[in-house]
């Protein structure tokens, strides 16, 4: 069994957005106040508490623009938060969700066809392990099962 790393948005990217950098669509992130209804921060990988300010922005979790490099909306604490420790196991947001869309990507950052599926949180680790044993799968993305929004990345440790 391979040890897994749960990789959040890098701190330098989160800091840039918090300091007014434009998002993947060239727009300044929007500021909102959380109603506490399950708004996941992509940096600490915890839900943003009711009354806390957060940013809404378009994010591309890939190193380069290319046809498979999806851009989509994500949330981020407006203030500093600690980045999720990638070796600490599944992030807190997985404790309050039932399922995710899981998809494998190759070393070329393109979707590996046949890997996409909705998985229960209970099966998340086992399925990630299975995908990451395939020679052509370099890493896995977890996305919202209902809205396809990027959540975090899973890698072999």
N, C-alpha and C. Protein backbone atom coordinates (compact mmCIF):
# COMPACT_ATOMS: atom_id res chain seq x y z
N UNK A 1 0.85 -1.18 0.00
CA UNK A 1 0.00 0.00 0.00
C UNK A 1 0.89 1.25 0.00
N UNK A 2 0.63 2.15 -0.92
CA UNK A 2 1.40 3.37 -1.07
C UNK A 2 0.87 4.44 -0.12
N UNK A 3 1.79 5.20 0.48
CA UNK A 3 1.39 6.34 1.29
C UNK A 3 0.97 7.46 0.36
N UNK A 4 -0.11 8.17 0.74
CA UNK A 4 -0.65 9.24 -0.10
C UNK A 4 -0.35 10.61 0.49
N UNK A 5 -0.16 11.58 -0.40
CA UNK A 5 -0.03 13.00 -0.01
C UNK A 5 -1.25 13.74 -0.53
N UNK A 6 -1.82 14.57 0.31
CA UNK A 6 -3.01 15.37 -0.03
C UNK A 6 -2.56 16.81 -0.18
N UNK A 7 -2.46 17.26 -1.42
CA UNK A 7 -1.80 18.51 -1.74
C UNK A 7 -2.81 19.65 -1.96
N UNK A 8 -2.68 20.68 -1.13
CA UNK A 8 -3.52 21.87 -1.21
C UNK A 8 -2.89 22.91 -2.14
N UNK A 9 -3.62 23.99 -2.38
CA UNK A 9 -3.10 25.11 -3.15
C UNK A 9 -1.80 25.59 -2.49
N UNK A 10 -0.75 25.80 -3.27
CA UNK A 10 0.51 26.28 -2.70
C UNK A 10 0.33 27.63 -1.99
N UNK A 11 1.09 27.82 -0.91
CA UNK A 11 0.97 29.04 -0.11
C UNK A 11 1.31 30.30 -0.89
N UNK A 12 2.28 30.23 -1.79
CA UNK A 12 2.64 31.43 -2.54
C UNK A 12 1.51 31.86 -3.47
N UNK A 13 0.79 30.89 -4.03
CA UNK A 13 -0.35 31.22 -4.90
C UNK A 13 -1.50 31.80 -4.06
N UNK A 14 -1.79 31.18 -2.91
CA UNK A 14 -2.84 31.70 -2.02
C UNK A 14 -2.51 33.12 -1.58
N UNK A 15 -1.25 33.37 -1.22
CA UNK A 15 -0.84 34.71 -0.78
C UNK A 15 -1.01 35.72 -1.91
N UNK A 16 -0.66 35.32 -3.12
CA UNK A 16 -0.81 36.24 -4.26
C UNK A 16 -2.27 36.64 -4.45
N UNK A 17 -3.17 35.67 -4.40
CA UNK A 17 -4.59 35.99 -4.54
C UNK A 17 -5.05 36.91 -3.41
N UNK A 18 -4.61 36.63 -2.20
CA UNK A 18 -5.00 37.47 -1.05
C UNK A 18 -4.47 38.89 -1.17
N UNK A 19 -3.35 39.04 -1.88
CA UNK A 19 -2.74 40.35 -2.05
C UNK A 19 -3.17 41.05 -3.33
N UNK A 20 -4.21 40.54 -3.98
CA UNK A 20 -4.80 41.24 -5.12
C UNK A 20 -4.38 40.77 -6.49
N UNK A 21 -3.64 39.66 -6.57
CA UNK A 21 -3.28 39.13 -7.89
C UNK A 21 -4.55 38.72 -8.63
N UNK A 22 -4.50 38.82 -9.94
CA UNK A 22 -5.65 38.40 -10.73
C UNK A 22 -5.69 36.88 -10.83
N UNK A 23 -6.90 36.36 -11.04
CA UNK A 23 -7.10 34.91 -11.11
C UNK A 23 -6.87 34.41 -12.54
N UNK A 24 -7.20 33.16 -12.78
CA UNK A 24 -6.98 32.54 -14.09
C UNK A 24 -7.77 33.21 -15.21
N UNK A 25 -8.80 33.99 -14.85
CA UNK A 25 -9.57 34.72 -15.85
C UNK A 25 -9.17 36.18 -15.93
N UNK A 26 -8.10 36.56 -15.22
CA UNK A 26 -7.63 37.93 -15.25
C UNK A 26 -8.44 38.88 -14.40
N UNK A 27 -9.21 38.35 -13.46
CA UNK A 27 -10.06 39.17 -12.61
C UNK A 27 -9.53 39.18 -11.17
N UNK A 28 -9.81 40.26 -10.45
CA UNK A 28 -9.49 40.32 -9.03
C UNK A 28 -10.48 39.41 -8.30
N UNK A 29 -10.00 38.56 -7.36
CA UNK A 29 -10.93 37.69 -6.63
C UNK A 29 -12.04 38.48 -5.94
N UNK A 30 -13.23 37.92 -5.94
CA UNK A 30 -14.38 38.53 -5.26
C UNK A 30 -14.30 38.22 -3.77
N UNK A 31 -14.80 39.13 -2.95
CA UNK A 31 -14.85 38.92 -1.49
C UNK A 31 -16.29 38.65 -1.08
N UNK A 32 -16.46 37.63 -0.25
CA UNK A 32 -17.78 37.23 0.25
C UNK A 32 -17.66 36.95 1.75
N UNK A 33 -18.81 36.81 2.40
CA UNK A 33 -18.86 36.40 3.81
C UNK A 33 -19.52 35.03 3.86
N UNK A 34 -18.88 34.09 4.53
CA UNK A 34 -19.39 32.72 4.59
C UNK A 34 -20.67 32.62 5.41
N UNK A 35 -21.61 31.85 4.89
CA UNK A 35 -22.82 31.54 5.65
C UNK A 35 -22.66 30.21 6.40
N UNK A 36 -21.46 29.63 6.32
CA UNK A 36 -21.16 28.39 7.03
C UNK A 36 -21.75 27.15 6.41
N UNK A 37 -22.12 27.23 5.13
CA UNK A 37 -22.81 26.11 4.48
C UNK A 37 -21.89 25.15 3.74
N UNK A 38 -20.64 25.03 4.17
CA UNK A 38 -19.73 24.09 3.52
C UNK A 38 -18.97 24.70 2.38
N UNK A 39 -18.24 25.77 2.65
CA UNK A 39 -17.44 26.46 1.65
C UNK A 39 -15.98 26.08 1.91
N UNK A 40 -15.41 25.20 1.07
CA UNK A 40 -14.08 24.68 1.34
C UNK A 40 -12.93 25.56 0.86
N UNK A 41 -12.06 25.94 1.78
CA UNK A 41 -10.85 26.69 1.44
C UNK A 41 -9.86 25.73 0.78
N UNK A 42 -9.29 26.12 -0.35
CA UNK A 42 -8.36 25.24 -1.06
C UNK A 42 -6.94 25.32 -0.54
N UNK A 43 -6.70 26.13 0.49
CA UNK A 43 -5.36 26.23 1.06
C UNK A 43 -5.26 25.41 2.35
N UNK A 44 -6.19 25.59 3.29
CA UNK A 44 -6.15 24.80 4.53
C UNK A 44 -6.99 23.53 4.41
N UNK A 45 -7.80 23.44 3.37
CA UNK A 45 -8.68 22.29 3.10
C UNK A 45 -9.65 22.03 4.26
N UNK A 46 -10.10 23.13 4.87
CA UNK A 46 -11.16 23.11 5.88
C UNK A 46 -12.29 24.00 5.39
N UNK A 47 -13.48 23.78 5.91
CA UNK A 47 -14.59 24.65 5.55
C UNK A 47 -14.42 26.02 6.20
N UNK A 48 -14.84 27.05 5.50
CA UNK A 48 -14.76 28.42 5.99
C UNK A 48 -15.96 28.66 6.91
N UNK A 49 -15.68 29.06 8.13
CA UNK A 49 -16.72 29.20 9.15
C UNK A 49 -17.67 30.36 8.85
N UNK A 50 -18.87 30.24 9.37
CA UNK A 50 -19.88 31.29 9.23
C UNK A 50 -19.33 32.62 9.73
N UNK A 51 -19.53 33.66 8.93
CA UNK A 51 -19.09 35.00 9.29
C UNK A 51 -17.68 35.34 8.84
N UNK A 52 -16.91 34.33 8.39
CA UNK A 52 -15.55 34.60 7.92
C UNK A 52 -15.57 35.10 6.48
N UNK A 53 -14.65 35.99 6.18
CA UNK A 53 -14.52 36.50 4.83
C UNK A 53 -13.72 35.51 3.99
N UNK A 54 -14.13 35.36 2.73
CA UNK A 54 -13.41 34.47 1.82
C UNK A 54 -13.38 35.07 0.43
N UNK A 55 -12.50 34.50 -0.39
CA UNK A 55 -12.36 34.92 -1.78
C UNK A 55 -12.96 33.87 -2.69
N UNK A 56 -13.57 34.32 -3.77
CA UNK A 56 -14.06 33.45 -4.84
C UNK A 56 -13.25 33.83 -6.07
N UNK A 57 -12.64 32.84 -6.71
CA UNK A 57 -11.78 33.14 -7.84
C UNK A 57 -11.71 31.97 -8.80
N UNK A 58 -11.29 32.25 -10.01
CA UNK A 58 -11.08 31.21 -11.02
C UNK A 58 -9.65 30.70 -10.88
N UNK A 59 -9.52 29.39 -10.72
CA UNK A 59 -8.20 28.79 -10.49
C UNK A 59 -7.94 27.69 -11.51
N UNK A 60 -6.69 27.63 -11.97
CA UNK A 60 -6.25 26.57 -12.87
C UNK A 60 -5.17 25.79 -12.14
N UNK A 61 -5.48 24.61 -11.59
CA UNK A 61 -4.50 23.86 -10.81
C UNK A 61 -3.52 23.04 -11.66
N UNK A 62 -3.04 23.63 -12.70
CA UNK A 62 -2.10 23.00 -13.63
C UNK A 62 -0.97 23.98 -13.91
N UNK A 63 0.21 23.49 -14.26
CA UNK A 63 1.34 24.39 -14.48
C UNK A 63 1.24 25.24 -15.74
N UNK A 64 0.52 24.76 -16.75
CA UNK A 64 0.44 25.49 -18.02
C UNK A 64 -0.96 25.39 -18.59
N UNK A 65 -1.32 26.40 -19.37
CA UNK A 65 -2.59 26.36 -20.09
C UNK A 65 -2.47 25.35 -21.23
N UNK A 66 -3.46 24.51 -21.35
CA UNK A 66 -3.56 23.52 -22.43
C UNK A 66 -5.01 23.01 -22.40
N UNK A 67 -5.45 22.28 -23.41
CA UNK A 67 -6.86 21.92 -23.49
C UNK A 67 -7.42 21.19 -22.27
N UNK A 68 -6.60 20.43 -21.55
CA UNK A 68 -7.09 19.67 -20.40
C UNK A 68 -6.92 20.41 -19.08
N UNK A 69 -6.35 21.58 -19.12
CA UNK A 69 -6.10 22.37 -17.90
C UNK A 69 -7.35 23.17 -17.55
N UNK A 70 -8.27 22.51 -16.89
CA UNK A 70 -9.55 23.13 -16.55
C UNK A 70 -9.37 24.31 -15.59
N UNK A 71 -10.17 25.33 -15.80
CA UNK A 71 -10.24 26.50 -14.92
C UNK A 71 -11.62 26.48 -14.30
N UNK A 72 -11.67 26.72 -13.00
CA UNK A 72 -12.98 26.74 -12.36
C UNK A 72 -12.96 27.54 -11.07
N UNK A 73 -14.14 27.73 -10.51
CA UNK A 73 -14.25 28.52 -9.30
C UNK A 73 -13.75 27.75 -8.08
N UNK A 74 -13.04 28.46 -7.20
CA UNK A 74 -12.61 27.92 -5.92
C UNK A 74 -12.79 28.98 -4.85
N UNK A 75 -12.74 28.55 -3.59
CA UNK A 75 -12.85 29.44 -2.44
C UNK A 75 -11.54 29.42 -1.68
N UNK A 76 -11.25 30.53 -1.01
CA UNK A 76 -10.01 30.67 -0.26
C UNK A 76 -10.27 31.62 0.91
N UNK A 77 -9.83 31.25 2.13
CA UNK A 77 -9.93 32.19 3.24
C UNK A 77 -9.33 33.53 2.80
N UNK A 78 -10.00 34.63 3.10
CA UNK A 78 -9.46 35.94 2.74
C UNK A 78 -8.25 36.28 3.60
N UNK A 79 -8.24 35.81 4.84
CA UNK A 79 -7.11 36.00 5.73
C UNK A 79 -6.21 34.79 5.71
N UNK A 80 -5.05 34.92 6.31
CA UNK A 80 -4.10 33.81 6.34
C UNK A 80 -4.68 32.60 7.05
N UNK A 81 -4.35 31.44 6.55
CA UNK A 81 -4.69 30.17 7.19
C UNK A 81 -3.52 29.23 6.92
N UNK A 82 -3.29 28.27 7.80
CA UNK A 82 -2.18 27.35 7.56
C UNK A 82 -2.49 26.40 6.42
N UNK A 83 -1.51 26.16 5.56
CA UNK A 83 -1.71 25.21 4.47
C UNK A 83 -1.86 23.81 5.05
N UNK A 84 -2.76 23.04 4.46
CA UNK A 84 -2.96 21.65 4.90
C UNK A 84 -1.64 20.91 4.78
N UNK A 85 -1.27 20.20 5.84
CA UNK A 85 -0.07 19.37 5.84
C UNK A 85 -0.32 18.18 4.94
N UNK A 86 0.36 18.11 3.82
CA UNK A 86 0.07 17.09 2.81
C UNK A 86 0.32 15.67 3.28
N UNK A 87 1.09 15.51 4.36
CA UNK A 87 1.37 14.17 4.88
C UNK A 87 0.49 13.81 6.07
N UNK A 88 -0.48 14.67 6.39
CA UNK A 88 -1.32 14.47 7.58
C UNK A 88 -2.54 13.60 7.32
N UNK A 89 -2.68 13.07 6.14
CA UNK A 89 -3.85 12.26 5.83
C UNK A 89 -4.93 13.08 5.18
N UNK A 90 -6.10 12.46 4.99
CA UNK A 90 -7.20 13.15 4.31
C UNK A 90 -7.55 14.46 5.00
N UNK A 91 -7.81 15.51 4.23
CA UNK A 91 -8.11 16.81 4.80
C UNK A 91 -9.48 16.88 5.48
N UNK A 92 -9.65 17.89 6.35
CA UNK A 92 -10.92 18.04 7.08
C UNK A 92 -12.16 18.13 6.19
N UNK A 93 -12.04 18.70 4.99
CA UNK A 93 -13.24 18.82 4.15
C UNK A 93 -13.81 17.48 3.74
N UNK A 94 -13.02 16.42 3.79
CA UNK A 94 -13.54 15.10 3.42
C UNK A 94 -14.43 14.52 4.53
N UNK A 95 -14.37 15.09 5.72
CA UNK A 95 -15.19 14.60 6.83
C UNK A 95 -16.65 15.02 6.71
N UNK A 96 -16.93 16.01 5.88
CA UNK A 96 -18.29 16.55 5.78
C UNK A 96 -18.90 16.37 4.39
N UNK A 97 -18.27 15.57 3.55
CA UNK A 97 -18.79 15.30 2.21
C UNK A 97 -19.05 13.81 2.08
N UNK A 98 -19.95 13.45 1.19
CA UNK A 98 -20.26 12.03 0.97
C UNK A 98 -19.45 11.44 -0.18
N UNK A 99 -19.21 12.26 -1.22
CA UNK A 99 -18.53 11.72 -2.40
C UNK A 99 -17.80 12.84 -3.14
N UNK A 100 -16.91 12.40 -4.00
CA UNK A 100 -16.14 13.30 -4.86
C UNK A 100 -16.01 12.69 -6.24
N UNK A 101 -15.73 13.53 -7.22
CA UNK A 101 -15.33 13.08 -8.54
C UNK A 101 -13.81 12.92 -8.48
N UNK A 102 -13.32 11.75 -8.82
CA UNK A 102 -11.88 11.47 -8.82
C UNK A 102 -11.45 11.23 -10.27
N UNK A 103 -10.28 11.82 -10.62
CA UNK A 103 -9.80 11.69 -11.99
C UNK A 103 -8.28 11.60 -11.97
N UNK A 104 -7.72 10.67 -12.75
CA UNK A 104 -6.28 10.53 -12.87
C UNK A 104 -5.73 11.37 -14.00
N UNK A 105 -4.49 11.87 -13.79
CA UNK A 105 -3.80 12.68 -14.80
C UNK A 105 -2.42 12.10 -15.06
N UNK A 106 -1.97 12.20 -16.29
CA UNK A 106 -0.65 11.72 -16.67
C UNK A 106 0.44 12.73 -16.36
N UNK A 107 1.68 12.37 -16.62
CA UNK A 107 2.81 13.26 -16.38
C UNK A 107 2.74 14.48 -17.31
N UNK A 108 1.92 14.40 -18.35
CA UNK A 108 1.72 15.53 -19.27
C UNK A 108 0.57 16.43 -18.82
N UNK A 109 0.02 16.20 -17.60
CA UNK A 109 -1.07 16.99 -17.02
C UNK A 109 -2.37 16.89 -17.81
N UNK A 110 -2.56 15.78 -18.49
CA UNK A 110 -3.80 15.55 -19.23
C UNK A 110 -4.57 14.39 -18.59
N UNK A 111 -5.87 14.45 -18.70
CA UNK A 111 -6.73 13.41 -18.14
C UNK A 111 -6.36 12.05 -18.73
N UNK A 112 -6.27 11.06 -17.88
CA UNK A 112 -6.09 9.68 -18.34
C UNK A 112 -7.51 9.11 -18.48
N UNK A 113 -7.93 8.91 -19.71
CA UNK A 113 -9.29 8.45 -19.94
C UNK A 113 -9.55 7.11 -19.27
N UNK A 114 -10.76 6.97 -18.75
CA UNK A 114 -11.15 5.75 -18.06
C UNK A 114 -10.92 5.82 -16.56
N UNK A 115 -10.32 6.90 -16.07
CA UNK A 115 -10.05 7.01 -14.63
C UNK A 115 -11.11 7.82 -13.89
N UNK A 116 -11.91 8.58 -14.57
CA UNK A 116 -12.89 9.45 -13.92
C UNK A 116 -14.06 8.67 -13.36
N UNK A 117 -14.37 8.94 -12.08
CA UNK A 117 -15.52 8.30 -11.45
C UNK A 117 -15.88 9.01 -10.15
N UNK A 118 -17.14 8.91 -9.78
CA UNK A 118 -17.58 9.44 -8.49
C UNK A 118 -17.31 8.35 -7.45
N UNK A 119 -16.61 8.73 -6.38
CA UNK A 119 -16.27 7.78 -5.32
C UNK A 119 -16.76 8.31 -3.98
N UNK A 120 -17.17 7.40 -3.12
CA UNK A 120 -17.56 7.79 -1.77
C UNK A 120 -16.30 8.15 -1.00
N UNK A 121 -16.44 9.00 0.01
CA UNK A 121 -15.31 9.35 0.85
C UNK A 121 -14.72 8.10 1.49
N UNK A 122 -15.58 7.15 1.85
CA UNK A 122 -15.11 5.90 2.46
C UNK A 122 -14.19 5.12 1.53
N UNK A 123 -14.38 5.25 0.21
CA UNK A 123 -13.57 4.52 -0.78
C UNK A 123 -12.48 5.37 -1.41
N UNK A 124 -12.38 6.64 -1.02
CA UNK A 124 -11.48 7.60 -1.65
C UNK A 124 -10.02 7.13 -1.63
N UNK A 125 -9.51 6.77 -0.48
CA UNK A 125 -8.10 6.38 -0.38
C UNK A 125 -7.80 5.12 -1.19
N UNK A 126 -8.66 4.13 -1.08
CA UNK A 126 -8.44 2.88 -1.81
C UNK A 126 -8.46 3.12 -3.31
N UNK A 127 -9.39 3.94 -3.78
CA UNK A 127 -9.47 4.20 -5.22
C UNK A 127 -8.27 5.02 -5.69
N UNK A 128 -7.83 5.98 -4.88
CA UNK A 128 -6.64 6.75 -5.25
C UNK A 128 -5.43 5.82 -5.33
N UNK A 129 -5.32 4.91 -4.38
CA UNK A 129 -4.23 3.92 -4.40
C UNK A 129 -4.26 3.12 -5.70
N UNK A 130 -5.45 2.66 -6.06
CA UNK A 130 -5.60 1.86 -7.28
C UNK A 130 -5.19 2.65 -8.52
N UNK A 131 -5.65 3.89 -8.63
CA UNK A 131 -5.30 4.71 -9.79
C UNK A 131 -3.81 4.98 -9.86
N UNK A 132 -3.22 5.27 -8.71
CA UNK A 132 -1.80 5.64 -8.68
C UNK A 132 -0.86 4.45 -8.91
N UNK A 133 -1.40 3.24 -8.96
CA UNK A 133 -0.56 2.08 -9.32
C UNK A 133 -0.46 1.93 -10.83
N UNK A 134 -1.32 2.62 -11.57
CA UNK A 134 -1.27 2.55 -13.03
C UNK A 134 -0.06 3.35 -13.53
N UNK A 135 0.69 2.79 -14.43
CA UNK A 135 1.90 3.45 -14.94
C UNK A 135 1.62 4.81 -15.58
N UNK A 136 0.44 4.96 -16.17
CA UNK A 136 0.14 6.20 -16.88
C UNK A 136 -0.53 7.26 -16.01
N UNK A 137 -0.79 6.97 -14.74
CA UNK A 137 -1.39 7.95 -13.82
C UNK A 137 -0.29 8.51 -12.92
N UNK A 138 -0.07 9.80 -13.04
CA UNK A 138 0.98 10.49 -12.29
C UNK A 138 0.45 11.10 -10.99
N UNK A 139 -0.80 11.58 -11.01
CA UNK A 139 -1.47 12.15 -9.84
C UNK A 139 -2.97 12.10 -10.05
N UNK A 140 -3.70 12.42 -9.00
CA UNK A 140 -5.17 12.36 -9.01
C UNK A 140 -5.72 13.70 -8.54
N UNK A 141 -6.80 14.15 -9.14
CA UNK A 141 -7.55 15.30 -8.64
C UNK A 141 -8.83 14.81 -8.00
N UNK A 142 -9.20 15.45 -6.90
CA UNK A 142 -10.53 15.29 -6.34
C UNK A 142 -11.30 16.56 -6.63
N UNK A 143 -12.50 16.39 -7.11
CA UNK A 143 -13.36 17.50 -7.50
C UNK A 143 -14.74 17.29 -6.89
N UNK A 144 -15.48 18.35 -6.79
CA UNK A 144 -16.85 18.26 -6.29
C UNK A 144 -17.64 17.30 -7.18
N UNK A 145 -18.33 16.35 -6.54
CA UNK A 145 -19.14 15.39 -7.30
C UNK A 145 -20.35 16.07 -7.94
N UNK A 146 -20.80 17.18 -7.37
CA UNK A 146 -21.99 17.84 -7.90
C UNK A 146 -21.68 19.01 -8.83
N UNK A 147 -20.55 19.69 -8.62
CA UNK A 147 -20.26 20.89 -9.41
C UNK A 147 -18.94 20.84 -10.19
N UNK A 148 -18.16 19.78 -10.02
CA UNK A 148 -16.90 19.58 -10.72
C UNK A 148 -15.81 20.56 -10.30
N UNK A 149 -15.99 21.30 -9.21
CA UNK A 149 -14.97 22.26 -8.76
C UNK A 149 -13.78 21.53 -8.17
N UNK A 150 -12.58 21.96 -8.53
CA UNK A 150 -11.35 21.39 -8.03
C UNK A 150 -11.29 21.54 -6.51
N UNK A 151 -10.89 20.46 -5.82
CA UNK A 151 -10.76 20.48 -4.36
C UNK A 151 -9.29 20.39 -3.95
N UNK A 152 -8.62 19.29 -4.33
CA UNK A 152 -7.20 19.10 -4.00
C UNK A 152 -6.63 17.99 -4.86
N UNK A 153 -5.32 17.80 -4.72
CA UNK A 153 -4.59 16.81 -5.50
C UNK A 153 -4.09 15.71 -4.58
N UNK A 154 -4.04 14.50 -5.10
CA UNK A 154 -3.47 13.37 -4.36
C UNK A 154 -2.29 12.82 -5.15
N UNK A 155 -1.17 12.66 -4.45
CA UNK A 155 0.05 12.12 -5.05
C UNK A 155 0.54 10.95 -4.21
N UNK A 156 1.41 10.13 -4.80
CA UNK A 156 2.14 9.13 -4.03
C UNK A 156 3.18 9.87 -3.18
N UNK A 157 3.35 9.44 -1.95
CA UNK A 157 4.35 10.08 -1.06
C UNK A 157 5.73 9.59 -1.43
